[in-house]
C-alpha cells in the first residue's frame, strides 16, 4: 500500500463495522418534503440494519431523535450529534487502513464551494471519528468524500468539474491534487472524468456519475430516452474510462426526473454498498426496475434493494450522500 505511511482508503465493498447515516432535521432544506425525506432515510437505515450490519442514525436533538425512533426499526442505533446538513459522505471521516490499524482522515469543508455551510458541518467528522475511537488527522485542503470513488488498488475516479473547481482549492494544480490524494488516502492513479450531472449542487460529485464495482470495473449510466438531460455527460465519462483501460459496465439511467419544472440529478449510481447488501435509490421512474436489476447483477454476493429516494433527492442528494461507512480493520 502507498500513501500516509502505508494507509489506504479501502473500497466500499470491503467489510464494514458500521454505517453512519444522517437524519434530516432542517425543514428549510427540504422544500416541504422533510417528512417524506425522513421516512425514506429511516427506511434506508432499517433495511441495512435488517441485514445484520450495525447502523448509527445520526440525529440532531431530542425531537429529531423521537421522530427517528418512530420511523426506524429497533435495530437502528440513534446517536445525537451537532451537524448541519445530512450529507455525511462529504462531512464525515474517510477511514484509511494499512490492513491492521485504522485512521480517520479529515479535510477542510467549505459548504461545496461556499454554497451551503451550516453549524456542525465542519466538526461532525471529528465527532464521528472520536465516537469510533479513531484519532483524526486533517488534511491541508478542501475535499468531500462524494467527490471520490476508489477500487481498492490505488485507483480513484473523480471529476474535473469538482476537484479542479476554483471554489475548492484555487491554489492547487491538478498535479498538486494528485499528490495529496496519494499522500492522504493512498490513491496513486487518478481517473479524471469531466462534468457531473446537471444541477448537482456539489459541482459534479463522482458518486452520482460513476462507481467502481470491482477492481478496474466502473459502472456508468446509459442514457434512457431522447430527453435524458445527461446523455452527453454519460457518454463522455464512459469514453474517458475506456481510454484509461478500465472495463465499463453500463447501467440504465432513471431518465429525465423533474421537480417543479427543474431537472433533478437523479442517479442509480448513488447506491450504497454495505457488508451484506446494496441499497439503490429509485425515483418512481419507469426505468427503476431495470436500474436495480442491472446493479444487482454486479453484486451477486449481496442482496440488492431498491428504495424510494425522490424526497431525499429534492434535498440535494441520495442515500450514498447521506451515509459514510466505517471499514473493518
C-alpha atoms as a PDB file:
ATOM      1  CA  UNK A   1       0.000   0.000   0.000  1.00  0.00           C
ATOM      2  CA  UNK A   2       1.059   3.595  -0.602  1.00  0.00           C
ATOM      3  CA  UNK A   3       0.416   6.980   0.917  1.00  0.00           C
ATOM      4  CA  UNK A   4       0.092   8.166   4.530  1.00  0.00           C
ATOM      5  CA  UNK A   5       2.544   5.644   5.979  1.00  0.00           C
ATOM      6  CA  UNK A   6       1.114   2.665   4.087  1.00  0.00           C
ATOM      7  CA  UNK A   7      -2.511   3.537   4.802  1.00  0.00           C
ATOM      8  CA  UNK A   8      -5.112   3.493   2.030  1.00  0.00           C
ATOM      9  CA  UNK A   9      -8.835   4.075   1.811  1.00  0.00           C
ATOM     10  CA  UNK A  10     -10.386   0.654   1.111  1.00  0.00           C
ATOM     11  CA  UNK A  11     -13.132   0.172  -1.483  1.00  0.00           C
ATOM     12  CA  UNK A  12     -16.709   0.370  -0.323  1.00  0.00           C
ATOM     13  CA  UNK A  13     -17.220  -3.374  -0.749  1.00  0.00           C
ATOM     14  CA  UNK A  14     -14.599  -4.007   1.947  1.00  0.00           C
ATOM     15  CA  UNK A  15     -16.154  -5.418   5.157  1.00  0.00           C
ATOM     16  CA  UNK A  16     -17.646  -2.699   7.369  1.00  0.00           C
ATOM     17  CA  UNK A  17     -18.039  -2.377  11.121  1.00  0.00           C
ATOM     18  CA  UNK A  18     -20.896   0.102  10.853  1.00  0.00           C
ATOM     19  CA  UNK A  19     -22.642   2.624   8.644  1.00  0.00           C
ATOM     20  CA  UNK A  20     -23.315   6.199   9.710  1.00  0.00           C
ATOM     21  CA  UNK A  21     -26.427   7.824   8.197  1.00  0.00           C
ATOM     22  CA  UNK A  22     -27.581  11.419   8.630  1.00  0.00           C
ATOM     23  CA  UNK A  23     -31.223  12.079   9.517  1.00  0.00           C
ATOM     24  CA  UNK A  24     -32.898  15.204   8.058  1.00  0.00           C
ATOM     25  CA  UNK A  25     -33.694  17.892  10.624  1.00  0.00           C
ATOM     26  CA  UNK A  26     -33.730  21.279   8.837  1.00  0.00           C
ATOM     27  CA  UNK A  27     -37.155  21.800   7.257  1.00  0.00           C
ATOM     28  CA  UNK A  28     -35.931  24.778   5.220  1.00  0.00           C
ATOM     29  CA  UNK A  29     -33.543  22.495   3.345  1.00  0.00           C
ATOM     30  CA  UNK A  30     -36.244  20.116   2.103  1.00  0.00           C
ATOM     31  CA  UNK A  31     -38.739  22.231   0.116  1.00  0.00           C
ATOM     32  CA  UNK A  32     -41.761  20.989   2.022  1.00  0.00           C
ATOM     33  CA  UNK A  33     -40.892  17.285   1.824  1.00  0.00           C
ATOM     34  CA  UNK A  34     -38.914  16.811   5.035  1.00  0.00           C
ATOM     35  CA  UNK A  35     -41.428  14.313   6.428  1.00  0.00           C
ATOM     36  CA  UNK A  36     -41.073  12.062   3.371  1.00  0.00           C
ATOM     37  CA  UNK A  37     -37.305  12.539   3.366  1.00  0.00           C
ATOM     38  CA  UNK A  38     -37.165  11.402   6.988  1.00  0.00           C
ATOM     39  CA  UNK A  39     -39.296   8.369   6.142  1.00  0.00           C
ATOM     40  CA  UNK A  40     -37.037   7.438   3.238  1.00  0.00           C
ATOM     41  CA  UNK A  41     -33.813   7.849   5.234  1.00  0.00           C
ATOM     42  CA  UNK A  42     -35.297   5.784   8.082  1.00  0.00           C
ATOM     43  CA  UNK A  43     -36.299   3.048   5.617  1.00  0.00           C
ATOM     44  CA  UNK A  44     -32.738   3.058   4.274  1.00  0.00           C
ATOM     45  CA  UNK A  45     -31.280   2.722   7.784  1.00  0.00           C
ATOM     46  CA  UNK A  46     -33.729  -0.036   8.703  1.00  0.00           C
ATOM     47  CA  UNK A  47     -33.010  -2.009   5.514  1.00  0.00           C
ATOM     48  CA  UNK A  48     -29.271  -2.025   6.208  1.00  0.00           C
ATOM     49  CA  UNK A  49     -29.775  -2.911   9.875  1.00  0.00           C
ATOM     50  CA  UNK A  50     -32.045  -5.801   8.881  1.00  0.00           C
ATOM     51  CA  UNK A  51     -29.072  -7.420   7.108  1.00  0.00           C
ATOM     52  CA  UNK A  52     -27.189  -7.635  10.398  1.00  0.00           C
ATOM     53  CA  UNK A  53     -24.923  -4.626   9.925  1.00  0.00           C
ATOM     54  CA  UNK A  54     -24.666  -2.032  12.681  1.00  0.00           C
ATOM     55  CA  UNK A  55     -26.249   1.279  11.664  1.00  0.00           C
ATOM     56  CA  UNK A  56     -25.839   4.547  13.551  1.00  0.00           C
ATOM     57  CA  UNK A  57     -28.521   7.038  12.522  1.00  0.00           C
ATOM     58  CA  UNK A  58     -27.208  10.492  13.419  1.00  0.00           C
ATOM     59  CA  UNK A  59     -29.887  12.778  14.878  1.00  0.00           C
ATOM     60  CA  UNK A  60     -29.666  16.437  15.866  1.00  0.00           C
ATOM     61  CA  UNK A  61     -31.660  16.750  19.086  1.00  0.00           C
ATOM     62  CA  UNK A  62     -34.305  15.105  21.262  1.00  0.00           C
ATOM     63  CA  UNK A  63     -37.206  15.960  18.944  1.00  0.00           C
ATOM     64  CA  UNK A  64     -35.258  14.687  15.945  1.00  0.00           C
ATOM     65  CA  UNK A  65     -34.431  11.504  17.845  1.00  0.00           C
ATOM     66  CA  UNK A  66     -38.079  10.937  18.766  1.00  0.00           C
ATOM     67  CA  UNK A  67     -39.130  11.248  15.125  1.00  0.00           C
ATOM     68  CA  UNK A  68     -36.334   8.895  14.007  1.00  0.00           C
ATOM     69  CA  UNK A  69     -37.237   6.350  16.683  1.00  0.00           C
ATOM     70  CA  UNK A  70     -40.836   6.411  15.473  1.00  0.00           C
ATOM     71  CA  UNK A  71     -39.773   5.649  11.889  1.00  0.00           C
ATOM     72  CA  UNK A  72     -36.699   3.413  12.136  1.00  0.00           C
ATOM     73  CA  UNK A  73     -36.540  -0.179  13.316  1.00  0.00           C
ATOM     74  CA  UNK A  74     -35.330  -1.009  16.816  1.00  0.00           C
ATOM     75  CA  UNK A  75     -32.165  -2.445  15.255  1.00  0.00           C
ATOM     76  CA  UNK A  76     -31.020   1.054  14.281  1.00  0.00           C
ATOM     77  CA  UNK A  77     -28.830   2.845  16.849  1.00  0.00           C
ATOM     78  CA  UNK A  78     -29.523   6.561  17.331  1.00  0.00           C
ATOM     79  CA  UNK A  79     -26.614   8.926  18.057  1.00  0.00           C
ATOM     80  CA  UNK A  80     -27.217  12.590  18.884  1.00  0.00           C
ATOM     81  CA  UNK A  81     -24.605  14.906  17.369  1.00  0.00           C
ATOM     82  CA  UNK A  82     -24.325  18.501  16.209  1.00  0.00           C
ATOM     83  CA  UNK A  83     -24.417  18.610  12.403  1.00  0.00           C
ATOM     84  CA  UNK A  84     -25.898  20.847   9.742  1.00  0.00           C
ATOM     85  CA  UNK A  85     -26.712  19.045   6.522  1.00  0.00           C
ATOM     86  CA  UNK A  86     -27.221  15.271   6.414  1.00  0.00           C
ATOM     87  CA  UNK A  87     -24.594  14.561   3.769  1.00  0.00           C
ATOM     88  CA  UNK A  88     -22.131  12.612   5.914  1.00  0.00           C
ATOM     89  CA  UNK A  89     -20.406  11.245   2.792  1.00  0.00           C
ATOM     90  CA  UNK A  90     -18.904  14.721   2.494  1.00  0.00           C
ATOM     91  CA  UNK A  91     -18.551  15.892   6.094  1.00  0.00           C
ATOM     92  CA  UNK A  92     -17.804  12.567   7.808  1.00  0.00           C
ATOM     93  CA  UNK A  93     -14.377  10.946   8.212  1.00  0.00           C
ATOM     94  CA  UNK A  94     -12.721   8.984   5.403  1.00  0.00           C
ATOM     95  CA  UNK A  95     -11.222   5.988   7.184  1.00  0.00           C
ATOM     96  CA  UNK A  96      -7.957   4.566   5.883  1.00  0.00           C
ATOM     97  CA  UNK A  97      -6.271   1.327   6.904  1.00  0.00           C
ATOM     98  CA  UNK A  98      -2.949  -0.448   6.479  1.00  0.00           C
ATOM     99  CA  UNK A  99      -4.719  -3.806   6.848  1.00  0.00           C
ATOM    100  CA  UNK A 100      -4.364  -3.822  10.639  1.00  0.00           C
ATOM    101  CA  UNK A 101      -4.785  -0.311  12.003  1.00  0.00           C
ATOM    102  CA  UNK A 102      -7.269   2.396  11.017  1.00  0.00           C
ATOM    103  CA  UNK A 103      -7.037   6.165  10.930  1.00  0.00           C
ATOM    104  CA  UNK A 104      -9.678   8.824  10.308  1.00  0.00           C
ATOM    105  CA  UNK A 105      -8.700  11.281   7.580  1.00  0.00           C
ATOM    106  CA  UNK A 106     -10.498  14.627   7.645  1.00  0.00           C
ATOM    107  CA  UNK A 107     -10.350  17.536   5.219  1.00  0.00           C
ATOM    108  CA  UNK A 108     -11.392  21.143   5.035  1.00  0.00           C
ATOM    109  CA  UNK A 109     -15.089  21.612   4.251  1.00  0.00           C
ATOM    110  CA  UNK A 110     -16.409  24.871   2.785  1.00  0.00           C
ATOM    111  CA  UNK A 111     -20.032  24.029   2.015  1.00  0.00           C
ATOM    112  CA  UNK A 112     -19.489  22.705  -1.518  1.00  0.00           C
ATOM    113  CA  UNK A 113     -17.681  25.783  -2.688  1.00  0.00           C
ATOM    114  CA  UNK A 114     -19.417  28.254  -0.382  1.00  0.00           C
ATOM    115  CA  UNK A 115     -22.986  27.295  -1.269  1.00  0.00           C
ATOM    116  CA  UNK A 116     -24.264  25.764   1.973  1.00  0.00           C
ATOM    117  CA  UNK A 117     -22.341  25.899   5.252  1.00  0.00           C
ATOM    118  CA  UNK A 118     -24.151  25.189   8.500  1.00  0.00           C
ATOM    119  CA  UNK A 119     -23.099  24.875  12.149  1.00  0.00           C
ATOM    120  CA  UNK A 120     -21.675  21.422  12.812  1.00  0.00           C
ATOM    121  CA  UNK A 121     -20.670  20.568   9.254  1.00  0.00           C
ATOM    122  CA  UNK A 122     -17.005  21.327   9.969  1.00  0.00           C
ATOM    123  CA  UNK A 123     -16.944  19.370  13.246  1.00  0.00           C
ATOM    124  CA  UNK A 124     -19.122  16.289  12.656  1.00  0.00           C
ATOM    125  CA  UNK A 125     -16.269  14.380  11.003  1.00  0.00           C
ATOM    126  CA  UNK A 126     -14.070  14.644  14.090  1.00  0.00           C
ATOM    127  CA  UNK A 127     -17.034  13.825  16.349  1.00  0.00           C
ATOM    128  CA  UNK A 128     -17.874  10.632  14.441  1.00  0.00           C
ATOM    129  CA  UNK A 129     -14.212   9.610  14.398  1.00  0.00           C
ATOM    130  CA  UNK A 130     -13.913  10.124  18.147  1.00  0.00           C
ATOM    131  CA  UNK A 131     -17.075   8.100  18.724  1.00  0.00           C
ATOM    132  CA  UNK A 132     -15.464   5.230  16.823  1.00  0.00           C
ATOM    133  CA  UNK A 133     -12.255   5.504  18.868  1.00  0.00           C
ATOM    134  CA  UNK A 134     -10.231   6.873  15.961  1.00  0.00           C
ATOM    135  CA  UNK A 135      -7.885   9.836  16.213  1.00  0.00           C
ATOM    136  CA  UNK A 136      -8.469  12.196  13.292  1.00  0.00           C
ATOM    137  CA  UNK A 137      -5.849  13.716  11.007  1.00  0.00           C
ATOM    138  CA  UNK A 138      -6.894  16.767   8.991  1.00  0.00           C
ATOM    139  CA  UNK A 139      -5.540  17.413   5.506  1.00  0.00           C
ATOM    140  CA  UNK A 140      -4.496  20.875   4.379  1.00  0.00           C
ATOM    141  CA  UNK A 141      -7.033  21.134   1.553  1.00  0.00           C
ATOM    142  CA  UNK A 142     -10.773  21.042   0.833  1.00  0.00           C
ATOM    143  CA  UNK A 143     -12.294  17.698  -0.167  1.00  0.00           C
ATOM    144  CA  UNK A 144     -15.646  15.924   0.089  1.00  0.00           C
ATOM    145  CA  UNK A 145     -15.959  12.142   0.185  1.00  0.00           C
ATOM    146  CA  UNK A 146     -18.589  12.093  -2.553  1.00  0.00           C
ATOM    147  CA  UNK A 147     -16.033  13.529  -4.960  1.00  0.00           C
ATOM    148  CA  UNK A 148     -14.074  10.253  -4.902  1.00  0.00           C
ATOM    149  CA  UNK A 149     -14.648   6.589  -5.667  1.00  0.00           C
ATOM    150  CA  UNK A 150     -11.818   4.058  -5.374  1.00  0.00           C
ATOM    151  CA  UNK A 151     -11.387   0.459  -6.493  1.00  0.00           C
ATOM    152  CA  UNK A 152      -9.078  -0.719  -3.697  1.00  0.00           C
ATOM    153  CA  UNK A 153      -5.950  -0.997  -5.858  1.00  0.00           C
ATOM    154  CA  UNK A 154      -4.896   2.649  -5.602  1.00  0.00           C
ATOM    155  CA  UNK A 155      -7.108   3.787  -8.484  1.00  0.00           C
ATOM    156  CA  UNK A 156      -9.621   6.560  -7.815  1.00  0.00           C
ATOM    157  CA  UNK A 157     -12.219   8.242 -10.019  1.00  0.00           C
ATOM    158  CA  UNK A 158     -13.165  11.892  -9.661  1.00  0.00           C
ATOM    159  CA  UNK A 159     -14.434  14.750 -11.843  1.00  0.00           C
ATOM    160  CA  UNK A 160     -12.636  17.794 -13.157  1.00  0.00           C
ATOM    161  CA  UNK A 161     -15.774  19.846 -12.528  1.00  0.00           C
ATOM    162  CA  UNK A 162     -15.455  19.288  -8.780  1.00  0.00           C
ATOM    163  CA  UNK A 163     -11.814  18.796  -7.856  1.00  0.00           C
ATOM    164  CA  UNK A 164     -10.468  21.396 -10.262  1.00  0.00           C
ATOM    165  CA  UNK A 165     -13.192  23.902  -9.380  1.00  0.00           C
ATOM    166  CA  UNK A 166     -11.628  27.167  -8.148  1.00  0.00           C
ATOM    167  CA  UNK A 167     -14.237  27.324  -5.383  1.00  0.00           C
ATOM    168  CA  UNK A 168     -12.452  24.479  -3.550  1.00  0.00           C
ATOM    169  CA  UNK A 169      -8.645  24.704  -3.817  1.00  0.00           C
ATOM    170  CA  UNK A 170      -7.739  27.546  -6.186  1.00  0.00           C
ATOM    171  CA  UNK A 171      -4.095  27.391  -5.125  1.00  0.00           C
ATOM    172  CA  UNK A 172      -3.666  23.736  -6.122  1.00  0.00           C
ATOM    173  CA  UNK A 173      -2.928  22.386  -9.601  1.00  0.00           C
ATOM    174  CA  UNK A 174      -4.034  19.011 -10.949  1.00  0.00           C
ATOM    175  CA  UNK A 175      -0.591  17.629 -10.046  1.00  0.00           C
ATOM    176  CA  UNK A 176      -0.870  19.071  -6.523  1.00  0.00           C
ATOM    177  CA  UNK A 177      -4.242  17.376  -6.060  1.00  0.00           C
ATOM    178  CA  UNK A 178      -2.927  14.032  -7.290  1.00  0.00           C
ATOM    179  CA  UNK A 179      -0.033  14.249  -4.820  1.00  0.00           C
ATOM    180  CA  UNK A 180      -2.452  14.933  -1.959  1.00  0.00           C
ATOM    181  CA  UNK A 181      -4.739  12.068  -2.966  1.00  0.00           C
ATOM    182  CA  UNK A 182      -1.727   9.754  -2.753  1.00  0.00           C
ATOM    183  CA  UNK A 183      -0.385  11.246   0.459  1.00  0.00           C
ATOM    184  CA  UNK A 184      -3.643  11.357   2.431  1.00  0.00           C
ATOM    185  CA  UNK A 185      -5.688   8.469   1.019  1.00  0.00           C
ATOM    186  CA  UNK A 186      -3.222   6.178  -0.773  1.00  0.00           C
ATOM    187  CA  UNK A 187      -4.587   6.772  -4.291  1.00  0.00           C
ATOM    188  CA  UNK A 188      -1.687   6.585  -6.735  1.00  0.00           C
ATOM    189  CA  UNK A 189      -3.697   6.658 -10.015  1.00  0.00           C
ATOM    190  CA  UNK A 190      -6.472   9.113 -10.859  1.00  0.00           C
ATOM    191  CA  UNK A 191      -9.183   8.714 -13.483  1.00  0.00           C
ATOM    192  CA  UNK A 192     -10.248  12.261 -14.313  1.00  0.00           C
ATOM    193  CA  UNK A 193     -13.828  12.302 -15.588  1.00  0.00           C
ATOM    194  CA  UNK A 194     -15.306  15.549 -16.905  1.00  0.00           C
ATOM    195  CA  UNK A 195     -18.586  17.016 -15.697  1.00  0.00           C
ATOM    196  CA  UNK A 196     -21.029  15.567 -13.212  1.00  0.00           C
ATOM    197  CA  UNK A 197     -24.803  15.546 -13.532  1.00  0.00           C
ATOM    198  CA  UNK A 198     -26.742  18.661 -14.472  1.00  0.00           C
ATOM    199  CA  UNK A 199     -27.950  20.706 -11.470  1.00  0.00           C
ATOM    200  CA  UNK A 200     -25.856  18.748  -8.966  1.00  0.00           C
ATOM    201  CA  UNK A 201     -25.086  21.415  -6.357  1.00  0.00           C
ATOM    202  CA  UNK A 202     -21.904  19.552  -5.381  1.00  0.00           C
ATOM    203  CA  UNK A 203     -20.338  20.646  -8.682  1.00  0.00           C
ATOM    204  CA  UNK A 204     -20.380  17.160 -10.108  1.00  0.00           C
ATOM    205  CA  UNK A 205     -19.595  14.589  -7.433  1.00  0.00           C
ATOM    206  CA  UNK A 206     -18.490  11.319  -8.976  1.00  0.00           C
ATOM    207  CA  UNK A 207     -20.696   9.202  -6.693  1.00  0.00           C
ATOM    208  CA  UNK A 208     -23.669  10.411  -8.730  1.00  0.00           C
ATOM    209  CA  UNK A 209     -21.964   9.694 -12.055  1.00  0.00           C
ATOM    210  CA  UNK A 210     -19.738   6.600 -11.990  1.00  0.00           C
ATOM    211  CA  UNK A 211     -18.909   3.949  -9.393  1.00  0.00           C
ATOM    212  CA  UNK A 212     -16.351   1.194  -9.133  1.00  0.00           C
ATOM    213  CA  UNK A 213     -17.977  -2.199  -8.570  1.00  0.00           C
ATOM    214  CA  UNK A 214     -14.756  -4.264  -8.564  1.00  0.00           C
ATOM    215  CA  UNK A 215     -11.075  -3.574  -9.271  1.00  0.00           C
ATOM    216  CA  UNK A 216     -10.823  -1.779 -12.627  1.00  0.00           C
ATOM    217  CA  UNK A 217     -14.571  -2.179 -13.310  1.00  0.00           C
ATOM    218  CA  UNK A 218     -16.614   1.029 -13.432  1.00  0.00           C
ATOM    219  CA  UNK A 219     -20.399   1.336 -13.655  1.00  0.00           C
ATOM    220  CA  UNK A 220     -21.576   4.306 -15.726  1.00  0.00           C
ATOM    221  CA  UNK A 221     -25.162   5.273 -16.604  1.00  0.00           C
ATOM    222  CA  UNK A 222     -26.559   4.762 -20.085  1.00  0.00           C
ATOM    223  CA  UNK A 223     -28.986   7.425 -21.258  1.00  0.00           C
ATOM    224  CA  UNK A 224     -32.628   6.339 -21.437  1.00  0.00           C
ATOM    225  CA  UNK A 225     -34.913   8.304 -23.719  1.00  0.00           C
ATOM    226  CA  UNK A 226     -34.205  11.078 -26.184  1.00  0.00           C
ATOM    227  CA  UNK A 227     -34.782  13.693 -23.470  1.00  0.00           C
ATOM    228  CA  UNK A 228     -32.244  12.300 -20.964  1.00  0.00           C
ATOM    229  CA  UNK A 229     -30.533  15.542 -19.842  1.00  0.00           C
ATOM    230  CA  UNK A 230     -27.213  13.869 -19.044  1.00  0.00           C
ATOM    231  CA  UNK A 231     -26.714  11.780 -22.195  1.00  0.00           C
ATOM    232  CA  UNK A 232     -23.582  13.631 -23.312  1.00  0.00           C
ATOM    233  CA  UNK A 233     -22.106  13.547 -19.806  1.00  0.00           C
ATOM    234  CA  UNK A 234     -22.616   9.776 -19.510  1.00  0.00           C
ATOM    235  CA  UNK A 235     -21.029   9.137 -22.903  1.00  0.00           C
ATOM    236  CA  UNK A 236     -18.022  11.299 -22.075  1.00  0.00           C
ATOM    237  CA  UNK A 237     -17.471   9.507 -18.753  1.00  0.00           C
ATOM    238  CA  UNK A 238     -17.663   6.077 -20.389  1.00  0.00           C
ATOM    239  CA  UNK A 239     -15.228   7.112 -23.119  1.00  0.00           C
ATOM    240  CA  UNK A 240     -12.694   8.546 -20.675  1.00  0.00           C
ATOM    241  CA  UNK A 241     -12.823   5.417 -18.518  1.00  0.00           C
ATOM    242  CA  UNK A 242     -12.404   3.114 -21.515  1.00  0.00           C
ATOM    243  CA  UNK A 243      -9.469   5.182 -22.783  1.00  0.00           C
ATOM    244  CA  UNK A 244      -7.882   4.787 -19.336  1.00  0.00           C
ATOM    245  CA  UNK A 245      -8.066   1.000 -19.715  1.00  0.00           C
ATOM    246  CA  UNK A 246     -10.979   0.478 -17.357  1.00  0.00           C
ATOM    247  CA  UNK A 247     -13.782  -2.000 -18.044  1.00  0.00           C
ATOM    248  CA  UNK A 248     -17.021  -0.021 -18.298  1.00  0.00           C
ATOM    249  CA  UNK A 249     -20.390  -1.524 -17.380  1.00  0.00           C
ATOM    250  CA  UNK A 250     -23.431   0.474 -18.447  1.00  0.00           C
ATOM    251  CA  UNK A 251     -26.469   0.769 -16.179  1.00  0.00           C
ATOM    252  CA  UNK A 252     -29.744   2.341 -17.384  1.00  0.00           C
ATOM    253  CA  UNK A 253     -30.280   5.852 -16.062  1.00  0.00           C
ATOM    254  CA  UNK A 254     -33.560   6.981 -14.468  1.00  0.00           C
ATOM    255  CA  UNK A 255     -34.070   9.289 -17.441  1.00  0.00           C
ATOM    256  CA  UNK A 256     -35.414  12.788 -17.052  1.00  0.00           C
ATOM    257  CA  UNK A 257     -36.578  13.472 -13.478  1.00  0.00           C
ATOM    258  CA  UNK A 258     -38.000  16.927 -12.683  1.00  0.00           C
ATOM    259  CA  UNK A 259     -39.270  18.728  -9.588  1.00  0.00           C
ATOM    260  CA  UNK A 260     -41.425  21.808 -10.221  1.00  0.00           C
ATOM    261  CA  UNK A 261     -40.036  22.022 -13.739  1.00  0.00           C
ATOM    262  CA  UNK A 262     -36.360  21.775 -12.760  1.00  0.00           C
ATOM    263  CA  UNK A 263     -34.236  18.806 -13.846  1.00  0.00           C
ATOM    264  CA  UNK A 264     -33.002  16.845 -10.827  1.00  0.00           C
ATOM    265  CA  UNK A 265     -29.654  14.972 -10.628  1.00  0.00           C
ATOM    266  CA  UNK A 266     -31.328  11.585 -10.144  1.00  0.00           C
ATOM    267  CA  UNK A 267     -28.970   8.638 -10.416  1.00  0.00           C
ATOM    268  CA  UNK A 268     -28.927   4.960  -9.572  1.00  0.00           C
ATOM    269  CA  UNK A 269     -25.153   5.425  -9.197  1.00  0.00           C
ATOM    270  CA  UNK A 270     -25.824   6.858  -5.745  1.00  0.00           C
ATOM    271  CA  UNK A 271     -26.184   3.293  -4.472  1.00  0.00           C
ATOM    272  CA  UNK A 272     -24.669   2.239  -1.132  1.00  0.00           C
ATOM    273  CA  UNK A 273     -22.558  -0.912  -0.796  1.00  0.00           C
ATOM    274  CA  UNK A 274     -22.797  -2.404   2.696  1.00  0.00           C
ATOM    275  CA  UNK A 275     -21.332  -5.605   4.064  1.00  0.00           C
ATOM    276  CA  UNK A 276     -24.353  -7.714   3.082  1.00  0.00           C
ATOM    277  CA  UNK A 277     -26.460  -5.575   0.741  1.00  0.00           C
ATOM    278  CA  UNK A 278     -26.545  -2.869  -1.915  1.00  0.00           C
ATOM    279  CA  UNK A 279     -29.181  -0.172  -1.478  1.00  0.00           C
ATOM    280  CA  UNK A 280     -30.226   1.564  -4.705  1.00  0.00           C
ATOM    281  CA  UNK A 281     -32.212   4.831  -4.757  1.00  0.00           C
ATOM    282  CA  UNK A 282     -35.272   4.793  -7.015  1.00  0.00           C
ATOM    283  CA  UNK A 283     -37.448   7.698  -8.100  1.00  0.00           C
ATOM    284  CA  UNK A 284     -40.744   6.426  -9.492  1.00  0.00           C
ATOM    285  CA  UNK A 285     -39.198   6.198 -12.972  1.00  0.00           C
ATOM    286  CA  UNK A 286     -40.276   3.570 -15.490  1.00  0.00           C
ATOM    287  CA  UNK A 287     -36.592   2.586 -15.543  1.00  0.00           C
ATOM    288  CA  UNK A 288     -36.326   1.836 -11.790  1.00  0.00           C
ATOM    289  CA  UNK A 289     -36.680  -1.940 -12.097  1.00  0.00           C
ATOM    290  CA  UNK A 290     -34.125  -2.146 -14.906  1.00  0.00           C
ATOM    291  CA  UNK A 291     -31.667   0.007 -12.984  1.00  0.00           C
ATOM    292  CA  UNK A 292     -31.927  -2.084  -9.823  1.00  0.00           C
ATOM    293  CA  UNK A 293     -31.628  -5.331 -11.795  1.00  0.00           C
ATOM    294  CA  UNK A 294     -28.520  -4.088 -13.606  1.00  0.00           C
ATOM    295  CA  UNK A 295     -26.839  -3.179 -10.333  1.00  0.00           C
ATOM    296  CA  UNK A 296     -27.909  -6.467  -8.723  1.00  0.00           C
ATOM    297  CA  UNK A 297     -26.084  -8.331 -11.496  1.00  0.00           C
ATOM    298  CA  UNK A 298     -22.864  -6.589 -10.453  1.00  0.00           C
ATOM    299  CA  UNK A 299     -23.088  -7.758  -6.826  1.00  0.00           C
ATOM    300  CA  UNK A 300     -24.173 -11.428  -6.884  1.00  0.00           C
ATOM    301  CA  UNK A 301     -22.998 -11.986  -3.317  1.00  0.00           C
ATOM    302  CA  UNK A 302     -25.175  -9.258  -1.841  1.00  0.00           C
ATOM    303  CA  UNK A 303     -28.904  -8.609  -1.682  1.00  0.00           C
ATOM    304  CA  UNK A 304     -29.796  -5.591  -3.847  1.00  0.00           C
ATOM    305  CA  UNK A 305     -32.682  -3.478  -2.596  1.00  0.00           C
ATOM    306  CA  UNK A 306     -34.327  -0.561  -4.397  1.00  0.00           C
ATOM    307  CA  UNK A 307     -35.806   2.064  -2.075  1.00  0.00           C
ATOM    308  CA  UNK A 308     -37.716   5.235  -2.927  1.00  0.00           C
ATOM    309  CA  UNK A 309     -35.492   8.309  -2.620  1.00  0.00           C
ATOM    310  CA  UNK A 310     -37.349  11.041  -4.521  1.00  0.00           C
ATOM    311  CA  UNK A 311     -37.764  13.225  -1.432  1.00  0.00           C
ATOM    312  CA  UNK A 312     -34.128  12.736  -0.417  1.00  0.00           C
ATOM    313  CA  UNK A 313     -33.171  13.879  -3.917  1.00  0.00           C
ATOM    314  CA  UNK A 314     -35.172  17.088  -3.524  1.00  0.00           C
ATOM    315  CA  UNK A 315     -32.999  17.902  -0.519  1.00  0.00           C
ATOM    316  CA  UNK A 316     -29.919  17.732  -2.711  1.00  0.00           C
ATOM    317  CA  UNK A 317     -28.554  14.202  -2.514  1.00  0.00           C
ATOM    318  CA  UNK A 318     -29.187  10.497  -2.173  1.00  0.00           C
ATOM    319  CA  UNK A 319     -28.567   7.507   0.063  1.00  0.00           C
ATOM    320  CA  UNK A 320     -24.850   7.405  -0.684  1.00  0.00           C
ATOM    321  CA  UNK A 321     -24.526  11.126   0.017  1.00  0.00           C
ATOM    322  CA  UNK A 322     -26.239  10.732   3.401  1.00  0.00           C
ATOM    323  CA  UNK A 323     -24.044   7.879   4.610  1.00  0.00           C
ATOM    324  CA  UNK A 324     -20.444   7.013   5.425  1.00  0.00           C
ATOM    325  CA  UNK A 325     -19.027   3.601   6.258  1.00  0.00           C
ATOM    326  CA  UNK A 326     -16.539   2.617   8.940  1.00  0.00           C
ATOM    327  CA  UNK A 327     -14.467  -0.109   7.250  1.00  0.00           C
ATOM    328  CA  UNK A 328     -13.362  -3.059   9.330  1.00  0.00           C
ATOM    329  CA  UNK A 329      -9.676  -3.144  10.259  1.00  0.00           C
END
